[in-house]
Amino acid sequence: MFTIVAATVFFAAFLLAAGVIVGMFALYHEKMAAALLFEPITQQPPVYHLRISRRRVNPDRRTVPAVAPSGVFAT
């Protein structure tokens, strides 16, 4: 008797699982097909424009350090 009850419970659980799987496929088959056929929109890679500018030094404004006489540091 236990074998018949166990087999019935197992068979009912199997039918329930199979029904859930079939039901999910029936409800969501359009979304699954759309997801499989989806082609992402191609996007241009970002282009970065860099502008490097530096100040130019005018030769007349440039200060040249004066050379110290050699006898200043002598003790």
N, C-alpha and C. Protein backbone atom coordinates (compact mmCIF):
# COMPACT_ATOMS: atom_id res chain seq x y z
N MET A 1 0.82 -1.20 0.00
CA MET A 1 0.00 0.00 0.00
C MET A 1 0.87 1.27 0.00
N PHE A 2 1.97 1.22 0.80
CA PHE A 2 2.87 2.37 0.84
C PHE A 2 3.46 2.65 -0.54
N THR A 3 3.75 1.59 -1.30
CA THR A 3 4.33 1.75 -2.62
C THR A 3 3.37 2.45 -3.57
N ILE A 4 2.11 2.15 -3.48
CA ILE A 4 1.12 2.78 -4.36
C ILE A 4 0.97 4.26 -4.01
N VAL A 5 0.96 4.60 -2.72
CA VAL A 5 0.85 6.00 -2.30
C VAL A 5 2.10 6.77 -2.71
N ALA A 6 3.29 6.20 -2.52
CA ALA A 6 4.54 6.86 -2.89
C ALA A 6 4.60 7.08 -4.40
N ALA A 7 4.18 6.09 -5.16
CA ALA A 7 4.19 6.23 -6.62
C ALA A 7 3.20 7.29 -7.06
N THR A 8 2.06 7.36 -6.42
CA THR A 8 1.06 8.36 -6.77
C THR A 8 1.56 9.77 -6.45
N VAL A 9 2.19 9.94 -5.29
CA VAL A 9 2.74 11.26 -4.91
C VAL A 9 3.86 11.65 -5.87
N PHE A 10 4.74 10.72 -6.19
CA PHE A 10 5.83 11.00 -7.12
C PHE A 10 5.29 11.37 -8.48
N PHE A 11 4.32 10.65 -8.98
CA PHE A 11 3.74 10.92 -10.29
C PHE A 11 3.02 12.27 -10.30
N ALA A 12 2.33 12.61 -9.20
CA ALA A 12 1.65 13.90 -9.10
C ALA A 12 2.66 15.04 -9.09
N ALA A 13 3.76 14.86 -8.36
CA ALA A 13 4.80 15.89 -8.33
C ALA A 13 5.44 16.05 -9.70
N PHE A 14 5.66 14.95 -10.40
CA PHE A 14 6.22 15.03 -11.74
C PHE A 14 5.27 15.75 -12.68
N LEU A 15 3.98 15.44 -12.61
CA LEU A 15 3.00 16.11 -13.46
C LEU A 15 2.91 17.60 -13.14
N LEU A 16 2.99 17.95 -11.86
CA LEU A 16 2.96 19.36 -11.47
C LEU A 16 4.18 20.11 -12.03
N ALA A 17 5.36 19.50 -11.90
CA ALA A 17 6.57 20.14 -12.42
C ALA A 17 6.50 20.28 -13.94
N ALA A 18 6.07 19.24 -14.63
CA ALA A 18 5.96 19.31 -16.09
C ALA A 18 4.91 20.34 -16.50
N GLY A 19 3.82 20.44 -15.75
CA GLY A 19 2.80 21.44 -16.05
C GLY A 19 3.31 22.86 -15.87
N VAL A 20 4.11 23.08 -14.82
CA VAL A 20 4.69 24.40 -14.59
C VAL A 20 5.64 24.77 -15.73
N ILE A 21 6.46 23.83 -16.15
CA ILE A 21 7.41 24.10 -17.24
C ILE A 21 6.66 24.39 -18.53
N VAL A 22 5.67 23.61 -18.85
CA VAL A 22 4.89 23.83 -20.08
C VAL A 22 4.13 25.15 -19.99
N GLY A 23 3.59 25.44 -18.83
CA GLY A 23 2.88 26.72 -18.65
C GLY A 23 3.80 27.92 -18.81
N MET A 24 5.01 27.82 -18.27
CA MET A 24 5.97 28.92 -18.43
C MET A 24 6.35 29.11 -19.89
N PHE A 25 6.57 28.02 -20.60
CA PHE A 25 6.87 28.15 -22.03
C PHE A 25 5.69 28.75 -22.78
N ALA A 26 4.47 28.36 -22.40
CA ALA A 26 3.30 28.90 -23.09
C ALA A 26 3.11 30.39 -22.82
N LEU A 27 3.38 30.82 -21.59
CA LEU A 27 3.19 32.23 -21.25
C LEU A 27 4.31 33.13 -21.77
N TYR A 28 5.53 32.63 -21.76
CA TYR A 28 6.67 33.49 -22.04
C TYR A 28 7.39 33.16 -23.35
N HIS A 29 6.78 32.36 -24.24
CA HIS A 29 7.50 31.98 -25.45
C HIS A 29 7.75 33.18 -26.37
N GLU A 30 6.84 34.16 -26.37
CA GLU A 30 7.06 35.35 -27.20
C GLU A 30 8.24 36.16 -26.67
N LYS A 31 8.34 36.30 -25.36
CA LYS A 31 9.46 37.05 -24.78
C LYS A 31 10.78 36.31 -24.98
N MET A 32 10.76 35.00 -24.88
CA MET A 32 11.98 34.23 -25.10
C MET A 32 12.43 34.34 -26.55
N ALA A 33 11.49 34.27 -27.49
CA ALA A 33 11.85 34.41 -28.91
C ALA A 33 12.37 35.81 -29.18
N ALA A 34 11.74 36.83 -28.59
CA ALA A 34 12.22 38.21 -28.79
C ALA A 34 13.61 38.39 -28.21
N ALA A 35 13.88 37.77 -27.07
CA ALA A 35 15.21 37.89 -26.47
C ALA A 35 16.26 37.17 -27.33
N LEU A 36 15.88 36.06 -27.94
CA LEU A 36 16.84 35.34 -28.77
C LEU A 36 17.09 36.05 -30.10
N LEU A 37 16.10 36.76 -30.61
CA LEU A 37 16.23 37.44 -31.90
C LEU A 37 16.70 38.88 -31.75
N PHE A 38 16.91 39.34 -30.53
CA PHE A 38 17.26 40.73 -30.30
C PHE A 38 18.66 41.03 -30.82
N GLU A 39 18.78 42.09 -31.58
CA GLU A 39 20.08 42.56 -32.05
C GLU A 39 20.33 43.91 -31.40
N PRO A 40 21.37 44.04 -30.64
CA PRO A 40 21.62 45.31 -29.95
C PRO A 40 21.88 46.43 -30.95
N ILE A 41 21.52 47.61 -30.55
CA ILE A 41 21.72 48.78 -31.38
C ILE A 41 23.21 49.11 -31.39
N THR A 42 23.77 49.22 -32.59
CA THR A 42 25.19 49.54 -32.66
C THR A 42 25.41 50.99 -32.28
N GLN A 43 26.39 51.21 -31.47
CA GLN A 43 26.69 52.56 -31.02
C GLN A 43 28.10 52.91 -31.46
N GLN A 44 28.28 54.16 -31.80
CA GLN A 44 29.61 54.64 -32.14
C GLN A 44 30.44 54.69 -30.86
N PRO A 45 31.67 54.24 -30.93
CA PRO A 45 32.50 54.35 -29.73
C PRO A 45 32.75 55.82 -29.42
N PRO A 46 32.84 56.17 -28.16
CA PRO A 46 33.07 57.57 -27.81
C PRO A 46 34.44 58.04 -28.31
N VAL A 47 34.44 59.24 -28.88
CA VAL A 47 35.67 59.83 -29.38
C VAL A 47 36.02 61.00 -28.47
N TYR A 48 37.20 60.99 -27.95
CA TYR A 48 37.63 62.04 -27.05
C TYR A 48 38.59 62.96 -27.81
N HIS A 49 38.26 64.24 -27.81
CA HIS A 49 39.12 65.23 -28.44
C HIS A 49 39.91 65.93 -27.34
N LEU A 50 41.21 65.77 -27.39
CA LEU A 50 42.08 66.37 -26.39
C LEU A 50 42.80 67.56 -27.01
N ARG A 51 42.80 68.62 -26.29
CA ARG A 51 43.54 69.80 -26.73
C ARG A 51 44.56 70.13 -25.65
N ILE A 52 45.80 70.03 -26.03
CA ILE A 52 46.88 70.31 -25.10
C ILE A 52 47.46 71.66 -25.46
N SER A 53 47.43 72.56 -24.52
CA SER A 53 48.00 73.88 -24.78
C SER A 53 48.95 74.22 -23.64
N ARG A 54 50.02 74.83 -23.98
CA ARG A 54 50.96 75.28 -22.97
C ARG A 54 51.42 76.68 -23.34
N ARG A 55 51.74 77.41 -22.34
CA ARG A 55 52.14 78.79 -22.56
C ARG A 55 53.54 78.84 -23.13
N ARG A 56 53.71 79.71 -24.06
CA ARG A 56 55.03 79.93 -24.64
C ARG A 56 55.72 81.05 -23.88
N VAL A 57 56.98 80.90 -23.66
CA VAL A 57 57.75 81.90 -22.93
C VAL A 57 58.40 82.82 -23.95
N ASN A 58 58.20 84.11 -23.75
CA ASN A 58 58.84 85.08 -24.62
C ASN A 58 60.31 85.18 -24.25
N PRO A 59 61.20 85.22 -25.23
CA PRO A 59 62.63 85.26 -24.89
C PRO A 59 63.03 86.53 -24.16
N ASP A 60 62.37 87.66 -24.37
CA ASP A 60 62.76 88.90 -23.71
C ASP A 60 62.30 88.93 -22.25
N ARG A 61 61.30 88.18 -21.88
CA ARG A 61 60.81 88.17 -20.50
C ARG A 61 61.51 87.13 -19.64
N ARG A 62 62.24 86.26 -20.25
CA ARG A 62 62.89 85.19 -19.50
C ARG A 62 64.02 85.77 -18.67
N THR A 63 64.10 85.38 -17.41
CA THR A 63 65.17 85.88 -16.53
C THR A 63 66.20 84.79 -16.36
N VAL A 64 67.42 85.16 -16.57
CA VAL A 64 68.52 84.22 -16.42
C VAL A 64 69.17 84.52 -15.07
N PRO A 65 69.31 83.53 -14.21
CA PRO A 65 69.94 83.79 -12.91
C PRO A 65 71.40 84.20 -13.09
N ALA A 66 71.78 85.19 -12.33
CA ALA A 66 73.15 85.70 -12.43
C ALA A 66 74.11 84.73 -11.79
N VAL A 67 75.26 84.61 -12.40
CA VAL A 67 76.26 83.70 -11.88
C VAL A 67 77.01 84.40 -10.75
N ALA A 68 77.08 83.76 -9.61
CA ALA A 68 77.77 84.35 -8.46
C ALA A 68 79.27 84.30 -8.70
N PRO A 69 79.96 85.36 -8.29
CA PRO A 69 81.41 85.34 -8.43
C PRO A 69 82.03 84.21 -7.58
N SER A 70 83.13 83.72 -8.01
CA SER A 70 83.71 82.56 -7.33
C SER A 70 84.27 82.90 -5.96
N GLY A 71 84.55 84.15 -5.69
CA GLY A 71 85.13 84.52 -4.40
C GLY A 71 84.10 84.72 -3.31
N VAL A 72 82.79 84.69 -3.64
CA VAL A 72 81.77 84.95 -2.64
C VAL A 72 81.70 83.81 -1.63
N PHE A 73 81.84 82.59 -2.11
CA PHE A 73 81.68 81.45 -1.23
C PHE A 73 83.00 81.02 -0.60
N ALA A 74 84.06 81.67 -0.92
CA ALA A 74 85.36 81.29 -0.34
C ALA A 74 85.46 81.82 1.09
N THR A 75 86.01 81.07 1.94
CA THR A 75 86.12 81.50 3.32
C THR A 75 87.52 81.88 3.69
